[in-house]
C-alpha atoms as a PDB file:
ATOM      1  CA  UNK A   1      -0.017  -0.006   0.021  1.00  0.00           C
ATOM      2  CA  UNK A   2       1.521   3.277  -1.058  1.00  0.00           C
ATOM      3  CA  UNK A   3       1.428   6.282   1.226  1.00  0.00           C
ATOM      4  CA  UNK A   4      -1.212   8.978   1.096  1.00  0.00           C
ATOM      5  CA  UNK A   5       1.261  11.551  -0.201  1.00  0.00           C
ATOM      6  CA  UNK A   6       2.147   9.300  -3.175  1.00  0.00           C
ATOM      7  CA  UNK A   7      -1.564   8.841  -3.932  1.00  0.00           C
ATOM      8  CA  UNK A   8      -2.150  12.610  -3.765  1.00  0.00           C
ATOM      9  CA  UNK A   9       0.707  13.257  -6.149  1.00  0.00           C
ATOM     10  CA  UNK A  10      -0.717  10.663  -8.597  1.00  0.00           C
ATOM     11  CA  UNK A  11      -4.078  12.413  -8.375  1.00  0.00           C
ATOM     12  CA  UNK A  12      -2.349  15.720  -9.218  1.00  0.00           C
ATOM     13  CA  UNK A  13      -0.747  14.168 -12.358  1.00  0.00           C
ATOM     14  CA  UNK A  14      -4.193  12.839 -13.362  1.00  0.00           C
ATOM     15  CA  UNK A  15      -5.742  16.227 -12.941  1.00  0.00           C
ATOM     16  CA  UNK A  16      -2.991  17.819 -15.011  1.00  0.00           C
ATOM     17  CA  UNK A  17      -3.511  15.244 -17.807  1.00  0.00           C
ATOM     18  CA  UNK A  18      -7.258  15.836 -17.656  1.00  0.00           C
ATOM     19  CA  UNK A  19      -6.722  19.557 -17.771  1.00  0.00           C
ATOM     20  CA  UNK A  20      -4.664  19.289 -20.985  1.00  0.00           C
ATOM     21  CA  UNK A  21      -7.367  17.096 -22.638  1.00  0.00           C
ATOM     22  CA  UNK A  22     -10.093  19.584 -21.629  1.00  0.00           C
ATOM     23  CA  UNK A  23      -8.085  22.385 -23.158  1.00  0.00           C
ATOM     24  CA  UNK A  24      -7.710  20.555 -26.450  1.00  0.00           C
ATOM     25  CA  UNK A  25     -11.376  19.704 -26.332  1.00  0.00           C
ATOM     26  CA  UNK A  26     -12.189  23.441 -25.928  1.00  0.00           C
ATOM     27  CA  UNK A  27      -9.880  24.060 -28.924  1.00  0.00           C
ATOM     28  CA  UNK A  28     -12.250  21.946 -31.041  1.00  0.00           C
ATOM     29  CA  UNK A  29     -10.808  18.396 -30.999  1.00  0.00           C
ATOM     30  CA  UNK A  30     -13.714  15.945 -30.617  1.00  0.00           C
ATOM     31  CA  UNK A  31     -11.453  12.997 -29.930  1.00  0.00           C
ATOM     32  CA  UNK A  32     -10.206  14.645 -26.747  1.00  0.00           C
ATOM     33  CA  UNK A  33     -13.661  14.195 -25.211  1.00  0.00           C
ATOM     34  CA  UNK A  34     -13.170  10.446 -24.836  1.00  0.00           C
ATOM     35  CA  UNK A  35      -9.759  10.835 -23.246  1.00  0.00           C
ATOM     36  CA  UNK A  36     -11.034  13.592 -20.933  1.00  0.00           C
ATOM     37  CA  UNK A  37     -13.884  11.448 -19.785  1.00  0.00           C
ATOM     38  CA  UNK A  38     -11.499   8.531 -19.199  1.00  0.00           C
ATOM     39  CA  UNK A  39      -9.258  10.722 -17.105  1.00  0.00           C
ATOM     40  CA  UNK A  40     -12.175  11.949 -15.027  1.00  0.00           C
ATOM     41  CA  UNK A  41     -13.317   8.354 -14.501  1.00  0.00           C
ATOM     42  CA  UNK A  42      -9.773   7.398 -13.402  1.00  0.00           C
ATOM     43  CA  UNK A  43      -9.740  10.330 -10.927  1.00  0.00           C
ATOM     44  CA  UNK A  44     -13.100   9.190  -9.536  1.00  0.00           C
ATOM     45  CA  UNK A  45     -11.960   5.625  -9.064  1.00  0.00           C
ATOM     46  CA  UNK A  46      -8.651   6.578  -7.479  1.00  0.00           C
ATOM     47  CA  UNK A  47     -10.219   9.058  -5.091  1.00  0.00           C
ATOM     48  CA  UNK A  48     -12.839   6.479  -4.116  1.00  0.00           C
ATOM     49  CA  UNK A  49     -10.157   3.932  -3.372  1.00  0.00           C
ATOM     50  CA  UNK A  50      -8.239   6.600  -1.421  1.00  0.00           C
ATOM     51  CA  UNK A  51     -11.346   7.349   0.605  1.00  0.00           C
ATOM     52  CA  UNK A  52     -11.641   3.665   1.509  1.00  0.00           C
ATOM     53  CA  UNK A  53      -7.948   3.536   2.497  1.00  0.00           C
ATOM     54  CA  UNK A  54      -8.371   6.596   4.746  1.00  0.00           C
ATOM     55  CA  UNK A  55     -11.405   5.003   6.476  1.00  0.00           C
ATOM     56  CA  UNK A  56      -9.485   1.766   6.990  1.00  0.00           C
ATOM     57  CA  UNK A  57      -6.482   3.624   8.317  1.00  0.00           C
ATOM     58  CA  UNK A  58      -8.675   5.612  10.725  1.00  0.00           C
ATOM     59  CA  UNK A  59     -10.309   2.470  12.024  1.00  0.00           C
ATOM     60  CA  UNK A  60      -6.955   0.857  12.635  1.00  0.00           C
ATOM     61  CA  UNK A  61      -5.793   3.708  14.904  1.00  0.00           C
ATOM     62  CA  UNK A  62      -6.070   2.906  18.632  1.00  0.00           C
ATOM     63  CA  UNK A  63      -9.010   4.464  20.403  1.00  0.00           C
ATOM     64  CA  UNK A  64      -8.471   6.765  23.372  1.00  0.00           C
ATOM     65  CA  UNK A  65     -10.121   5.599  26.516  1.00  0.00           C
ATOM     66  CA  UNK A  66     -12.639   7.952  27.919  1.00  0.00           C
ATOM     67  CA  UNK A  67     -12.556   8.926  31.543  1.00  0.00           C
ATOM     68  CA  UNK A  68     -15.760   8.371  33.386  1.00  0.00           C
ATOM     69  CA  UNK A  69     -17.749  11.399  34.353  1.00  0.00           C
ATOM     70  CA  UNK A  70     -17.913  12.239  38.012  1.00  0.00           C
ATOM     71  CA  UNK A  71     -21.359  13.342  39.123  1.00  0.00           C
ATOM     72  CA  UNK A  72     -21.693  15.036  42.447  1.00  0.00           C
ATOM     73  CA  UNK A  73     -24.968  14.291  44.175  1.00  0.00           C
ATOM     74  CA  UNK A  74     -26.935  17.177  45.639  1.00  0.00           C
ATOM     75  CA  UNK A  75     -28.911  16.533  48.740  1.00  0.00           C
ATOM     76  CA  UNK A  76     -32.524  17.729  48.675  1.00  0.00           C
ATOM     77  CA  UNK A  77     -32.074  19.582  51.970  1.00  0.00           C
ATOM     78  CA  UNK A  78     -29.510  21.973  50.561  1.00  0.00           C
ATOM     79  CA  UNK A  79     -31.874  23.205  47.833  1.00  0.00           C
ATOM     80  CA  UNK A  80     -33.730  26.497  48.516  1.00  0.00           C
ATOM     81  CA  UNK A  81     -37.419  26.106  48.870  1.00  0.00           C
ATOM     82  CA  UNK A  82     -39.700  28.832  47.542  1.00  0.00           C
ATOM     83  CA  UNK A  83     -42.685  29.732  49.721  1.00  0.00           C
ATOM     84  CA  UNK A  84     -45.956  28.324  48.368  1.00  0.00           C
ATOM     85  CA  UNK A  85     -48.717  30.918  47.920  1.00  0.00           C
ATOM     86  CA  UNK A  86     -52.382  30.319  47.245  1.00  0.00           C
ATOM     87  CA  UNK A  87     -53.165  27.748  44.575  1.00  0.00           C
ATOM     88  CA  UNK A  88     -55.545  28.981  41.913  1.00  0.00           C
ATOM     89  CA  UNK A  89     -57.738  26.286  40.394  1.00  0.00           C
ATOM     90  CA  UNK A  90     -58.486  26.568  36.684  1.00  0.00           C
ATOM     91  CA  UNK A  91     -61.750  25.449  35.331  1.00  0.00           C
ATOM     92  CA  UNK A  92     -61.478  22.860  32.573  1.00  0.00           C
ATOM     93  CA  UNK A  93     -62.042  24.180  29.047  1.00  0.00           C
ATOM     94  CA  UNK A  94     -64.756  22.544  27.077  1.00  0.00           C
ATOM     95  CA  UNK A  95     -63.810  21.717  23.462  1.00  0.00           C
ATOM     96  CA  UNK A  96     -65.756  23.406  20.715  1.00  0.00           C
ATOM     97  CA  UNK A  97     -67.929  21.048  18.707  1.00  0.00           C
ATOM     98  CA  UNK A  98     -66.571  20.166  15.331  1.00  0.00           C
ATOM     99  CA  UNK A  99     -68.751  21.417  12.535  1.00  0.00           C
ATOM    100  CA  UNK A 100     -68.392  19.655   9.207  1.00  0.00           C
ATOM    101  CA  UNK A 101     -68.740  21.775   6.137  1.00  0.00           C
ATOM    102  CA  UNK A 102     -70.953  20.297   3.372  1.00  0.00           C
ATOM    103  CA  UNK A 103     -69.083  19.102   0.360  1.00  0.00           C
ATOM    104  CA  UNK A 104     -69.508  20.991  -2.834  1.00  0.00           C
ATOM    105  CA  UNK A 105     -70.949  18.884  -5.578  1.00  0.00           C
ATOM    106  CA  UNK A 106     -69.096  18.660  -8.842  1.00  0.00           C
ATOM    107  CA  UNK A 107     -70.858  20.193 -11.799  1.00  0.00           C
ATOM    108  CA  UNK A 108     -71.384  17.795 -14.632  1.00  0.00           C
ATOM    109  CA  UNK A 109     -71.354  19.335 -18.033  1.00  0.00           C
END
């Protein structure tokens, strides 16, 4: 397996080749379109393989162990208590009846 820097440099050379093919295509050479599309496909395949290699490399790295969180318990006695004032009761709200609108009939012509 080659290093990532070697793969990046090969991608750069592919992009340069593709750039020259695109320039010749813009100049009016129809045959350059096939070569340009081939270069772009090669870039796609190489970058996809490189993405897979990066994922595999990342998964092979050792994981750092996480330290457990320390939670301090708060006793209920130490919490301030707000004075309770008069409780107001709220009457339940009656739902409004659902009124269905009549359907409009379709006009037949």
